[in-house]
């Protein structure tokens, strides 16, 4: 089920299979704990306290944390930048590693210029 919701439809079956195989090595209790922690974690009222430059990256086809949540972060974290990666879902870092690295490198270089 995670492969169905966590990835873009355009992600290769090979990438999806690798992740599913890795997840099979994780106990159900740990997976449940991860989802429970995500569900209970809420610092929305403190986002404006973030004082460091912040890069927000989201896959355009993310069904688990849709783009609207990343846009919310962008609108509420001062000095933040939002990068939306096409043809990627929630596992954007596995689906589009080269693009992620490019966005990170560009963001860091811009910080060095300041």
C-alpha atoms as a PDB file:
ATOM      1  CA  UNK A   1       0.000   0.000   0.000  1.00  0.00           C
ATOM      2  CA  UNK A   2       2.866   2.388   0.756  1.00  0.00           C
ATOM      3  CA  UNK A   3       4.113   2.052  -2.815  1.00  0.00           C
ATOM      4  CA  UNK A   4       0.682   3.079  -4.076  1.00  0.00           C
ATOM      5  CA  UNK A   5       0.458   6.272  -2.008  1.00  0.00           C
ATOM      6  CA  UNK A   6       4.071   7.297  -1.431  1.00  0.00           C
ATOM      7  CA  UNK A   7       5.268   7.429  -5.030  1.00  0.00           C
ATOM      8  CA  UNK A   8       4.400   9.199  -8.231  1.00  0.00           C
ATOM      9  CA  UNK A   9       2.780   7.022 -10.858  1.00  0.00           C
ATOM     10  CA  UNK A  10       5.816   7.835 -12.990  1.00  0.00           C
ATOM     11  CA  UNK A  11       8.306   6.315 -10.544  1.00  0.00           C
ATOM     12  CA  UNK A  12       9.923   3.141 -11.790  1.00  0.00           C
ATOM     13  CA  UNK A  13       8.703  -0.184 -10.467  1.00  0.00           C
ATOM     14  CA  UNK A  14      12.313  -0.963  -9.565  1.00  0.00           C
ATOM     15  CA  UNK A  15      12.532   2.017  -7.189  1.00  0.00           C
ATOM     16  CA  UNK A  16       9.193   1.167  -5.608  1.00  0.00           C
ATOM     17  CA  UNK A  17      10.209  -2.474  -5.149  1.00  0.00           C
ATOM     18  CA  UNK A  18      13.490  -1.501  -3.441  1.00  0.00           C
ATOM     19  CA  UNK A  19      11.637   0.635  -0.901  1.00  0.00           C
ATOM     20  CA  UNK A  20       8.998  -2.007  -0.256  1.00  0.00           C
ATOM     21  CA  UNK A  21      11.740  -4.600   0.306  1.00  0.00           C
ATOM     22  CA  UNK A  22      13.518  -2.292   2.752  1.00  0.00           C
ATOM     23  CA  UNK A  23      10.277  -1.581   4.604  1.00  0.00           C
ATOM     24  CA  UNK A  24       9.693  -5.312   5.032  1.00  0.00           C
ATOM     25  CA  UNK A  25      12.811  -5.322   7.236  1.00  0.00           C
ATOM     26  CA  UNK A  26      11.179  -2.870   9.644  1.00  0.00           C
ATOM     27  CA  UNK A  27       8.915  -4.242  12.345  1.00  0.00           C
ATOM     28  CA  UNK A  28       5.221  -3.299  12.221  1.00  0.00           C
ATOM     29  CA  UNK A  29       5.597  -1.644  15.634  1.00  0.00           C
ATOM     30  CA  UNK A  30       8.239   0.739  14.296  1.00  0.00           C
ATOM     31  CA  UNK A  31       6.172   1.588  11.220  1.00  0.00           C
ATOM     32  CA  UNK A  32       3.130   2.202  13.409  1.00  0.00           C
ATOM     33  CA  UNK A  33       5.213   4.355  15.756  1.00  0.00           C
ATOM     34  CA  UNK A  34       6.465   6.422  12.814  1.00  0.00           C
ATOM     35  CA  UNK A  35       2.950   7.077  11.544  1.00  0.00           C
ATOM     36  CA  UNK A  36       1.693   7.822  15.049  1.00  0.00           C
ATOM     37  CA  UNK A  37       4.525  10.305  15.655  1.00  0.00           C
ATOM     38  CA  UNK A  38       3.772  12.046  12.362  1.00  0.00           C
ATOM     39  CA  UNK A  39       0.099  12.229  13.241  1.00  0.00           C
ATOM     40  CA  UNK A  40       0.684  13.707  16.700  1.00  0.00           C
ATOM     41  CA  UNK A  41       3.520  16.123  15.865  1.00  0.00           C
ATOM     42  CA  UNK A  42       2.181  19.648  15.574  1.00  0.00           C
ATOM     43  CA  UNK A  43       4.199  22.850  15.828  1.00  0.00           C
ATOM     44  CA  UNK A  44       2.117  24.925  13.446  1.00  0.00           C
ATOM     45  CA  UNK A  45       1.778  27.705  16.000  1.00  0.00           C
ATOM     46  CA  UNK A  46       5.583  27.960  16.314  1.00  0.00           C
ATOM     47  CA  UNK A  47       6.630  28.109  12.649  1.00  0.00           C
ATOM     48  CA  UNK A  48       7.178  31.873  12.728  1.00  0.00           C
ATOM     49  CA  UNK A  49       9.857  31.287  15.391  1.00  0.00           C
ATOM     50  CA  UNK A  50      12.152  29.622  12.850  1.00  0.00           C
ATOM     51  CA  UNK A  51      14.974  32.080  12.256  1.00  0.00           C
ATOM     52  CA  UNK A  52      17.229  30.196   9.868  1.00  0.00           C
ATOM     53  CA  UNK A  53      16.846  30.067   6.083  1.00  0.00           C
ATOM     54  CA  UNK A  54      14.673  27.064   5.318  1.00  0.00           C
ATOM     55  CA  UNK A  55      14.343  24.980   2.176  1.00  0.00           C
ATOM     56  CA  UNK A  56      11.049  23.117   1.787  1.00  0.00           C
ATOM     57  CA  UNK A  57      10.976  20.370  -0.840  1.00  0.00           C
ATOM     58  CA  UNK A  58       7.848  18.529  -1.907  1.00  0.00           C
ATOM     59  CA  UNK A  59       6.901  16.136  -4.671  1.00  0.00           C
ATOM     60  CA  UNK A  60       4.115  17.503  -6.843  1.00  0.00           C
ATOM     61  CA  UNK A  61       2.246  14.200  -6.605  1.00  0.00           C
ATOM     62  CA  UNK A  62       2.707  13.676  -2.841  1.00  0.00           C
ATOM     63  CA  UNK A  63      -0.513  12.089  -1.570  1.00  0.00           C
ATOM     64  CA  UNK A  64       0.672  11.670   2.038  1.00  0.00           C
ATOM     65  CA  UNK A  65       1.629  15.315   2.592  1.00  0.00           C
ATOM     66  CA  UNK A  66       0.187  17.175  -0.390  1.00  0.00           C
ATOM     67  CA  UNK A  67       1.727  20.366  -1.765  1.00  0.00           C
ATOM     68  CA  UNK A  68      -0.791  22.509   0.144  1.00  0.00           C
ATOM     69  CA  UNK A  69       1.029  21.603   3.385  1.00  0.00           C
ATOM     70  CA  UNK A  70       4.379  22.661   1.942  1.00  0.00           C
ATOM     71  CA  UNK A  71       2.779  25.881   0.768  1.00  0.00           C
ATOM     72  CA  UNK A  72       1.508  26.418   4.312  1.00  0.00           C
ATOM     73  CA  UNK A  73       5.067  25.984   5.605  1.00  0.00           C
ATOM     74  CA  UNK A  74       6.355  28.447   2.997  1.00  0.00           C
ATOM     75  CA  UNK A  75       3.737  30.998   3.990  1.00  0.00           C
ATOM     76  CA  UNK A  76       4.484  30.646   7.704  1.00  0.00           C
ATOM     77  CA  UNK A  77       8.250  30.190   7.958  1.00  0.00           C
ATOM     78  CA  UNK A  78      10.093  33.477   7.471  1.00  0.00           C
ATOM     79  CA  UNK A  79      12.951  33.361   4.969  1.00  0.00           C
ATOM     80  CA  UNK A  80      11.836  30.048   3.481  1.00  0.00           C
ATOM     81  CA  UNK A  81      11.915  28.783  -0.080  1.00  0.00           C
ATOM     82  CA  UNK A  82       9.619  26.132  -1.559  1.00  0.00           C
ATOM     83  CA  UNK A  83      10.770  23.791  -4.311  1.00  0.00           C
ATOM     84  CA  UNK A  84       8.160  21.500  -5.851  1.00  0.00           C
ATOM     85  CA  UNK A  85       9.550  18.573  -7.803  1.00  0.00           C
ATOM     86  CA  UNK A  86       7.501  17.322 -10.762  1.00  0.00           C
ATOM     87  CA  UNK A  87       6.865  13.599 -11.302  1.00  0.00           C
ATOM     88  CA  UNK A  88       7.570  12.815  -7.640  1.00  0.00           C
ATOM     89  CA  UNK A  89       5.518  11.822  -4.632  1.00  0.00           C
ATOM     90  CA  UNK A  90       6.223  11.569  -0.905  1.00  0.00           C
ATOM     91  CA  UNK A  91       9.463   9.670  -1.539  1.00  0.00           C
ATOM     92  CA  UNK A  92      10.809  12.551  -3.611  1.00  0.00           C
ATOM     93  CA  UNK A  93      14.352  12.023  -2.295  1.00  0.00           C
ATOM     94  CA  UNK A  94      14.361   8.487  -3.713  1.00  0.00           C
ATOM     95  CA  UNK A  95      12.405   9.321  -6.845  1.00  0.00           C
ATOM     96  CA  UNK A  96      14.411  12.360  -7.914  1.00  0.00           C
ATOM     97  CA  UNK A  97      17.742  12.307  -6.025  1.00  0.00           C
ATOM     98  CA  UNK A  98      19.612  14.340  -8.640  1.00  0.00           C
ATOM     99  CA  UNK A  99      17.028  17.128  -8.559  1.00  0.00           C
ATOM    100  CA  UNK A 100      16.986  17.118  -4.757  1.00  0.00           C
ATOM    101  CA  UNK A 101      20.774  17.401  -4.652  1.00  0.00           C
ATOM    102  CA  UNK A 102      20.697  20.196  -7.231  1.00  0.00           C
ATOM    103  CA  UNK A 103      18.103  22.164  -5.219  1.00  0.00           C
ATOM    104  CA  UNK A 104      20.065  21.644  -1.986  1.00  0.00           C
ATOM    105  CA  UNK A 105      23.339  22.679  -3.566  1.00  0.00           C
ATOM    106  CA  UNK A 106      21.805  25.823  -5.069  1.00  0.00           C
ATOM    107  CA  UNK A 107      20.182  26.728  -1.728  1.00  0.00           C
ATOM    108  CA  UNK A 108      23.431  26.235   0.201  1.00  0.00           C
ATOM    109  CA  UNK A 109      25.514  28.181  -2.331  1.00  0.00           C
ATOM    110  CA  UNK A 110      23.092  31.084  -2.083  1.00  0.00           C
ATOM    111  CA  UNK A 111      23.508  31.030   1.714  1.00  0.00           C
ATOM    112  CA  UNK A 112      27.291  31.138   1.295  1.00  0.00           C
ATOM    113  CA  UNK A 113      26.928  34.295  -0.824  1.00  0.00           C
ATOM    114  CA  UNK A 114      25.153  36.124   1.988  1.00  0.00           C
END
